[in-house]
Amino acid sequence: MVKAQELVDEMVSSGIEMNIVTYSTLVDGFCKNGELKKAEKLVDEMISRGIKPNILTYGALVDGFCKDGMVKKAEHLVQKLVSIGFKPNIVIYSALVNGLCKEGMMKQAEELVHEMESIGLKPDIVTYSALVNGFCKEGKMKKAEELVHQMVSLGLKPNVVTYNMLVNGFCKVGAMKKVEELVHEMVSLGLKPNVVTYTILVDGFCKQGEIVKAEELVREMVSLGLKPNVVIYTILVDGFCKQGEMEKAKELVREMVSMGLEPNVVIYSTLVNGLCKQGEMEKAKELVHEMVSMGLEPNVVIYSTLVDSFCKQGAIEDAKKKYCMK
C-alpha cells in the first residue's frame, strides 16, 4: 500500500484528478491491508470532493469491517446505504453473513440470508460456505451438512474449501466414519482433497489415537503428488510421541529433514516431552543441545518439561542447571 499511496501522491502533485476508480481501488487496498481508518478517511475525502462512493467502495468497507470483527459497524453501514437508496448486492450481503457467522451470530446470519432472498438476491457459494463454517464451529454438524446438500440441490457446487470446513467439523466431534464418507463424496464430485484436507484428516485421526491411519494418509497424499508440510509432520510426530513410539517419531523427523523441511521448536518440544515421559533424560538433554546447535532457542515449555522430569527423578541439581540453561 505504501507504493500505491506514493503513486497517488505523484498523481495529485502532477495535477491529475483522482476519480471513482482510483479512490475505490485505494479503499479496497487499505481494507484488505487492515488499514480501515485510512479507508474511511479516504471515503470522507471522496465525498468532500464531490465524488460519490459506489457499491464497490462501500462493499470494500463492509468486507473490511467484517474481517476486522466490527460486524455492528458493517451492519450500520449497510442500513445507511439502504436508507439513502443504495441496493446492497450479493457481495455485500455475503460479506456481512460471513462476519456474523465468524462472531457466532448464526440466528442473525440466517435472518440476513432470508432478507437477501426476499429482495431477489440468491445466496451463492460464498454465502453458503460462510453459514456452513459457522455451524461447524458451533458443532451443529447436521445443520451444516444439510446446507451443503441444499447447495447441491440448488445447482451450486460446493468447493474444496466448503468440504474442508465440513470435514474439520466432523473431525472435531470424532465422527471419523462420517469424515471418510465426506472425502469419498467430494472426490465423486470431482473435487481433489488438498494439503489442507489432509492436514485436517491427519490431525483428526491422530486425536482419535488412530495413528497408523494418519500415517497412511500422509503416504497417500505423497502418492498423489502433494507434499506434506511441517504442520502435518508435527501432528504425526506428536501422535507417535503420545503413544510412546519415540523411535518412529524420530524416524519421521529424519524423513522430513530429507524432504527439505526443518524441524521447528514445537517438534523438538514434542520429542523432548516424549523422551522425558519415558525417563530418557540424557536423550532429552542431547536433543536440546541439538536444537540449540541448529540455531533454535528452547522455549519455556521445553525447560519446564525438563525441570519437572528431573525433579520427579529426584535430580534437583540437574533441574537447577536446566532451569538456568540459556
Protein backbone atom coordinates (compact mmCIF):
# COMPACT_ATOMS: atom_id res chain seq x y z
CA MET A 1 0.00 0.00 0.00
CA VAL A 2 2.96 2.37 0.53
CA LYS A 3 3.87 2.29 -3.18
CA ALA A 4 0.22 2.75 -4.15
CA GLN A 5 -0.06 5.80 -1.89
CA GLU A 6 3.18 7.22 -3.31
CA LEU A 7 1.80 6.83 -6.84
CA VAL A 8 -1.42 8.62 -5.85
CA ASP A 9 0.57 11.45 -4.25
CA GLU A 10 2.54 11.73 -7.50
CA MET A 11 -0.73 11.92 -9.47
CA VAL A 12 -2.07 14.70 -7.25
CA SER A 13 1.18 16.70 -7.36
CA SER A 14 1.09 16.42 -11.17
CA GLY A 15 -2.38 17.90 -11.23
CA ILE A 16 -4.11 14.66 -12.21
CA GLU A 17 -7.55 14.40 -10.62
CA MET A 18 -8.40 11.16 -8.83
CA ASN A 19 -11.63 9.54 -9.98
CA ILE A 20 -14.06 7.00 -8.53
CA VAL A 21 -12.00 4.08 -9.85
CA THR A 22 -8.75 5.30 -8.25
CA TYR A 23 -10.45 6.04 -4.95
CA SER A 24 -12.32 2.71 -4.84
CA THR A 25 -9.14 0.79 -5.65
CA LEU A 26 -7.32 2.54 -2.82
CA VAL A 27 -10.18 2.00 -0.35
CA ASP A 28 -10.22 -1.69 -1.25
CA GLY A 29 -6.45 -1.92 -0.80
CA PHE A 30 -6.49 -0.24 2.61
CA CYS A 31 -9.36 -2.50 3.73
CA LYS A 32 -7.57 -5.66 2.63
CA ASN A 33 -4.47 -4.42 4.43
CA GLY A 34 -6.46 -3.88 7.63
CA GLU A 35 -5.98 -0.12 7.50
CA LEU A 36 -9.65 0.71 7.98
CA LYS A 37 -9.22 4.19 9.42
CA LYS A 38 -7.31 5.22 6.30
CA ALA A 39 -10.03 3.68 4.15
CA GLU A 40 -12.76 5.59 5.99
CA LYS A 41 -10.77 8.82 5.76
CA LEU A 42 -10.44 8.28 2.04
CA VAL A 43 -14.20 7.82 1.64
CA ASP A 44 -14.78 11.06 3.52
CA GLU A 45 -12.28 12.77 1.21
CA MET A 46 -14.13 11.43 -1.85
CA ILE A 47 -17.42 12.86 -0.60
CA SER A 48 -15.85 16.26 0.24
CA ARG A 49 -14.54 16.43 -3.35
CA GLY A 50 -17.95 15.69 -4.78
CA ILE A 51 -17.14 12.12 -5.82
CA LYS A 52 -19.89 9.74 -4.75
CA PRO A 53 -18.68 6.36 -3.43
CA ASN A 54 -20.25 3.50 -5.37
CA ILE A 55 -21.33 0.00 -4.42
CA LEU A 56 -17.75 -1.28 -4.88
CA THR A 57 -16.37 1.36 -2.50
CA TYR A 58 -18.92 0.57 0.19
CA GLY A 59 -18.58 -3.16 -0.44
CA ALA A 60 -14.86 -2.95 0.35
CA LEU A 61 -15.64 -1.14 3.62
CA VAL A 62 -18.30 -3.66 4.68
CA ASP A 63 -15.93 -6.56 3.96
CA GLY A 64 -13.10 -4.82 5.81
CA PHE A 65 -15.23 -4.13 8.90
CA CYS A 66 -16.47 -7.74 9.00
CA LYS A 67 -13.00 -9.23 8.66
CA ASP A 68 -11.80 -6.98 11.48
CA GLY A 69 -14.62 -8.16 13.74
CA MET A 70 -16.56 -4.89 13.52
CA VAL A 71 -19.81 -6.53 12.40
CA LYS A 72 -22.07 -3.98 14.10
CA LYS A 73 -20.32 -1.18 12.25
CA ALA A 74 -20.72 -3.10 8.98
CA GLU A 75 -24.44 -3.60 9.70
CA HIS A 76 -24.94 0.11 10.41
CA LEU A 77 -23.20 0.99 7.16
CA VAL A 78 -25.47 -1.36 5.18
CA GLN A 79 -28.56 0.12 6.89
CA LYS A 80 -27.30 3.59 6.00
CA LEU A 81 -26.81 2.56 2.37
CA VAL A 82 -30.37 1.24 2.16
CA SER A 83 -31.73 4.47 3.70
CA ILE A 84 -30.02 6.61 1.02
CA GLY A 85 -31.22 4.43 -1.84
CA PHE A 86 -28.32 2.04 -2.37
CA LYS A 87 -29.21 -1.58 -3.02
CA PRO A 88 -26.59 -3.84 -1.39
CA ASN A 89 -25.50 -6.58 -3.76
CA ILE A 90 -24.71 -10.25 -3.17
CA VAL A 91 -21.05 -9.40 -2.38
CA ILE A 92 -22.02 -7.03 0.44
CA TYR A 93 -24.62 -9.39 1.87
CA SER A 94 -22.23 -12.35 1.75
CA ALA A 95 -19.50 -10.34 3.50
CA LEU A 96 -21.98 -9.43 6.24
CA VAL A 97 -23.22 -13.03 6.56
CA ASN A 98 -19.61 -14.17 6.86
CA GLY A 99 -18.91 -11.55 9.54
CA LEU A 100 -21.95 -12.60 11.59
CA CYS A 101 -21.00 -16.28 11.30
CA LYS A 102 -17.45 -15.60 12.49
CA GLU A 103 -18.89 -13.88 15.56
CA GLY A 104 -21.15 -16.87 16.23
CA MET A 105 -24.28 -14.86 15.45
CA MET A 106 -25.89 -17.65 13.45
CA LYS A 107 -29.51 -16.64 14.01
CA GLN A 108 -28.81 -13.15 12.66
CA ALA A 109 -26.86 -14.65 9.75
CA GLU A 110 -29.80 -16.84 8.75
CA GLU A 111 -32.20 -13.91 9.07
CA LEU A 112 -29.96 -11.89 6.76
CA VAL A 113 -30.00 -14.69 4.19
CA HIS A 114 -33.82 -14.68 4.29
CA GLU A 115 -33.72 -10.90 3.82
CA MET A 116 -31.48 -11.36 0.77
CA GLU A 117 -33.91 -13.85 -0.73
CA SER A 118 -36.89 -11.56 -0.05
CA ILE A 119 -35.36 -8.86 -2.27
CA GLY A 120 -34.49 -11.30 -5.03
CA LEU A 121 -30.83 -11.99 -4.22
CA LYS A 122 -29.88 -15.66 -4.35
CA PRO A 123 -27.25 -16.83 -1.83
CA ASP A 124 -24.14 -18.02 -3.66
CA ILE A 125 -21.36 -20.43 -2.75
CA VAL A 126 -19.64 -17.73 -0.64
CA THR A 127 -22.82 -17.17 1.39
CA TYR A 128 -23.44 -20.88 1.92
CA SER A 129 -19.80 -21.58 2.80
CA ALA A 130 -19.92 -18.88 5.48
CA LEU A 131 -23.02 -20.49 7.00
CA VAL A 132 -21.51 -23.98 6.81
CA ASN A 133 -18.35 -22.77 8.56
CA GLY A 134 -20.40 -21.02 11.24
CA PHE A 135 -22.49 -24.09 12.07
CA CYS A 136 -19.38 -26.31 12.03
CA LYS A 137 -17.72 -24.06 14.60
CA GLU A 138 -20.79 -24.42 16.80
CA GLY A 139 -20.69 -28.20 16.42
CA LYS A 140 -24.08 -28.23 14.65
CA MET A 141 -22.91 -30.70 12.05
CA LYS A 142 -26.32 -31.93 10.93
CA LYS A 143 -27.32 -28.37 10.05
CA ALA A 144 -24.01 -27.76 8.27
CA GLU A 145 -24.35 -30.93 6.20
CA GLU A 146 -27.96 -30.10 5.31
CA LEU A 147 -26.77 -26.74 3.95
CA VAL A 148 -24.22 -28.44 1.70
CA HIS A 149 -26.88 -30.78 0.31
CA GLN A 150 -29.16 -27.75 -0.15
CA MET A 151 -26.43 -26.07 -2.17
CA VAL A 152 -26.19 -29.07 -4.46
CA SER A 153 -29.97 -29.22 -4.90
CA LEU A 154 -29.91 -25.56 -5.99
CA GLY A 155 -27.24 -26.25 -8.58
CA LEU A 156 -24.42 -24.74 -6.53
CA LYS A 157 -21.33 -26.94 -6.47
CA PRO A 158 -19.56 -26.97 -3.10
CA ASN A 159 -15.82 -26.43 -3.49
CA VAL A 160 -12.87 -27.95 -1.63
CA VAL A 161 -12.98 -25.13 0.94
CA THR A 162 -16.62 -25.93 1.76
CA TYR A 163 -15.88 -29.63 2.19
CA ASN A 164 -12.78 -28.89 4.27
CA MET A 165 -14.99 -26.96 6.69
CA LEU A 166 -17.39 -29.90 6.92
CA VAL A 167 -14.60 -32.47 7.29
CA ASN A 168 -12.95 -30.36 10.00
CA GLY A 169 -16.25 -30.06 11.88
CA PHE A 170 -16.87 -33.80 11.90
CA CYS A 171 -13.23 -34.46 12.89
CA LYS A 172 -13.70 -32.21 15.92
CA VAL A 173 -16.67 -34.27 17.12
CA GLY A 174 -14.76 -37.50 16.45
CA ALA A 175 -17.11 -38.79 13.72
CA MET A 176 -14.30 -40.29 11.63
CA LYS A 177 -16.51 -42.72 9.69
CA LYS A 178 -18.57 -39.75 8.53
CA VAL A 179 -15.36 -37.92 7.66
CA GLU A 180 -14.27 -40.73 5.34
CA GLU A 181 -17.71 -40.74 3.69
CA LEU A 182 -17.41 -37.00 3.06
CA VAL A 183 -13.98 -37.37 1.47
CA HIS A 184 -15.37 -40.05 -0.89
CA GLU A 185 -18.31 -37.75 -1.62
CA MET A 186 -16.11 -34.80 -2.53
CA VAL A 187 -13.96 -36.99 -4.79
CA SER A 188 -17.11 -38.30 -6.53
CA LEU A 189 -18.00 -34.67 -7.27
CA GLY A 190 -14.64 -34.21 -8.98
CA LEU A 191 -13.05 -32.33 -6.10
CA LYS A 192 -9.49 -33.21 -5.16
CA PRO A 193 -8.52 -33.18 -1.47
CA ASN A 194 -5.67 -30.69 -0.96
CA VAL A 195 -2.95 -30.24 1.66
CA VAL A 196 -5.44 -28.52 3.98
CA THR A 197 -7.82 -31.50 3.67
CA TYR A 198 -5.07 -33.95 4.54
CA THR A 199 -3.85 -31.79 7.44
CA ILE A 200 -7.37 -31.86 8.89
CA LEU A 201 -7.63 -35.62 8.37
CA VAL A 202 -4.22 -36.43 9.86
CA ASP A 203 -5.00 -34.26 12.90
CA GLY A 204 -8.43 -35.84 13.30
CA PHE A 205 -7.21 -39.44 13.20
CA CYS A 206 -4.25 -38.65 15.50
CA LYS A 207 -6.59 -37.15 18.08
CA GLN A 208 -8.65 -40.35 17.95
CA GLY A 209 -5.49 -42.39 18.55
CA GLU A 210 -5.63 -43.85 15.02
CA ILE A 211 -2.01 -43.03 14.33
CA VAL A 212 -1.48 -45.80 11.75
CA LYS A 213 -4.39 -44.47 9.69
CA ALA A 214 -2.96 -40.96 9.99
CA GLU A 215 0.41 -42.11 8.65
CA GLU A 216 -1.31 -43.97 5.80
CA LEU A 217 -2.96 -40.68 4.82
CA VAL A 218 0.41 -38.95 4.65
CA ARG A 219 1.70 -41.71 2.35
CA GLU A 220 -1.45 -41.35 0.26
CA MET A 221 -1.02 -37.62 -0.20
CA VAL A 222 2.60 -38.11 -1.27
CA SER A 223 1.48 -40.68 -3.85
CA LEU A 224 -0.93 -38.05 -5.21
CA GLY A 225 1.87 -35.54 -5.63
CA LEU A 226 1.05 -33.48 -2.54
CA LYS A 227 3.95 -32.55 -0.27
CA PRO A 228 3.37 -32.88 3.49
CA ASN A 229 4.32 -29.69 5.32
CA VAL A 230 5.84 -29.02 8.75
CA VAL A 231 2.37 -28.81 10.31
CA ILE A 232 1.45 -32.33 9.15
CA TYR A 233 4.74 -33.80 10.36
CA THR A 234 4.36 -32.00 13.70
CA ILE A 235 0.90 -33.56 14.18
CA LEU A 236 2.19 -37.02 13.23
CA VAL A 237 5.29 -36.78 15.43
CA ASP A 238 3.09 -35.68 18.33
CA GLY A 239 0.78 -38.65 17.72
CA PHE A 240 3.61 -41.21 17.87
CA CYS A 241 5.17 -39.49 20.91
CA LYS A 242 1.87 -39.71 22.78
CA GLN A 243 1.77 -43.45 22.07
CA GLY A 244 5.33 -43.81 23.33
CA GLU A 245 6.72 -44.74 19.91
CA MET A 246 9.75 -42.48 20.12
CA GLU A 247 11.86 -44.26 17.51
CA LYS A 248 9.08 -43.88 14.98
CA ALA A 249 8.71 -40.20 15.90
CA LYS A 250 12.44 -39.60 15.39
CA GLU A 251 12.31 -41.51 12.12
CA LEU A 252 9.62 -39.10 10.91
CA VAL A 253 11.78 -36.13 11.85
CA ARG A 254 14.65 -37.57 9.79
CA GLU A 255 12.21 -38.10 6.93
CA MET A 256 11.01 -34.51 6.99
CA VAL A 257 14.60 -33.25 7.01
CA SER A 258 15.34 -35.41 3.94
CA MET A 259 12.40 -33.67 2.25
CA GLY A 260 13.92 -30.26 2.88
CA LEU A 261 11.70 -29.39 5.85
CA GLU A 262 13.28 -28.01 9.01
CA PRO A 263 12.05 -29.23 12.42
CA ASN A 264 10.77 -26.33 14.50
CA VAL A 265 10.63 -25.65 18.23
CA VAL A 266 7.22 -27.31 18.50
CA ILE A 267 8.53 -30.61 17.10
CA TYR A 268 11.55 -30.56 19.42
CA SER A 269 9.27 -29.74 22.33
CA THR A 270 7.11 -32.75 21.46
CA LEU A 271 10.12 -35.05 21.22
CA VAL A 272 11.63 -33.78 24.49
CA ASN A 273 8.31 -34.31 26.24
CA GLY A 274 8.04 -37.86 24.86
CA LEU A 275 11.55 -38.79 25.94
CA CYS A 276 11.04 -37.28 29.41
CA LYS A 277 7.87 -39.33 29.89
CA GLN A 278 9.90 -42.46 29.18
CA GLY A 279 12.61 -41.36 31.61
CA GLU A 280 15.16 -40.92 28.81
CA MET A 281 16.62 -37.78 30.33
CA GLU A 282 20.04 -38.00 28.70
CA LYS A 283 18.49 -38.33 25.26
CA ALA A 284 16.20 -35.40 26.04
CA LYS A 285 19.22 -33.26 27.03
CA GLU A 286 21.04 -34.28 23.83
CA LEU A 287 18.02 -33.22 21.81
CA VAL A 288 18.01 -29.79 23.45
CA HIS A 289 21.70 -29.35 22.63
CA GLU A 290 20.96 -30.44 19.05
CA MET A 291 18.25 -27.83 18.60
CA VAL A 292 20.50 -25.12 20.07
CA SER A 293 23.24 -26.11 17.60
CA MET A 294 20.67 -25.61 14.83
CA GLY A 295 20.00 -22.08 15.98
CA LEU A 296 16.68 -22.85 17.69
CA GLU A 297 16.03 -21.38 21.13
CA PRO A 298 14.38 -23.82 23.59
CA ASN A 299 11.12 -22.34 24.83
CA VAL A 300 9.58 -22.28 28.31
CA VAL A 301 7.66 -25.50 27.58
CA ILE A 302 10.89 -27.43 26.95
CA TYR A 303 12.60 -26.04 30.06
CA SER A 304 9.53 -26.72 32.20
CA THR A 305 9.32 -30.30 30.91
CA LEU A 306 12.98 -30.95 31.70
CA VAL A 307 12.77 -29.36 35.16
CA ASP A 308 9.62 -31.32 36.02
CA SER A 309 11.13 -34.61 34.86
CA PHE A 310 14.42 -34.09 36.73
CA CYS A 311 12.50 -33.22 39.89
CA LYS A 312 10.37 -36.34 39.61
CA GLN A 313 13.56 -38.38 39.35
CA GLY A 314 14.99 -36.62 42.40
CA ALA A 315 17.72 -34.93 40.35
CA ILE A 316 17.19 -31.47 41.82
CA GLU A 317 20.67 -30.21 40.93
CA ASP A 318 20.19 -31.18 37.30
CA ALA A 319 16.84 -29.42 37.38
CA LYS A 320 18.51 -26.23 38.61
CA LYS A 321 21.09 -26.45 35.82
CA LYS A 322 18.42 -26.95 33.16
CA TYR A 323 16.30 -24.13 34.52
CA CYS A 324 19.25 -21.76 34.35
CA MET A 325 20.48 -23.09 30.99
CA LYS A 326 20.41 -20.35 28.34
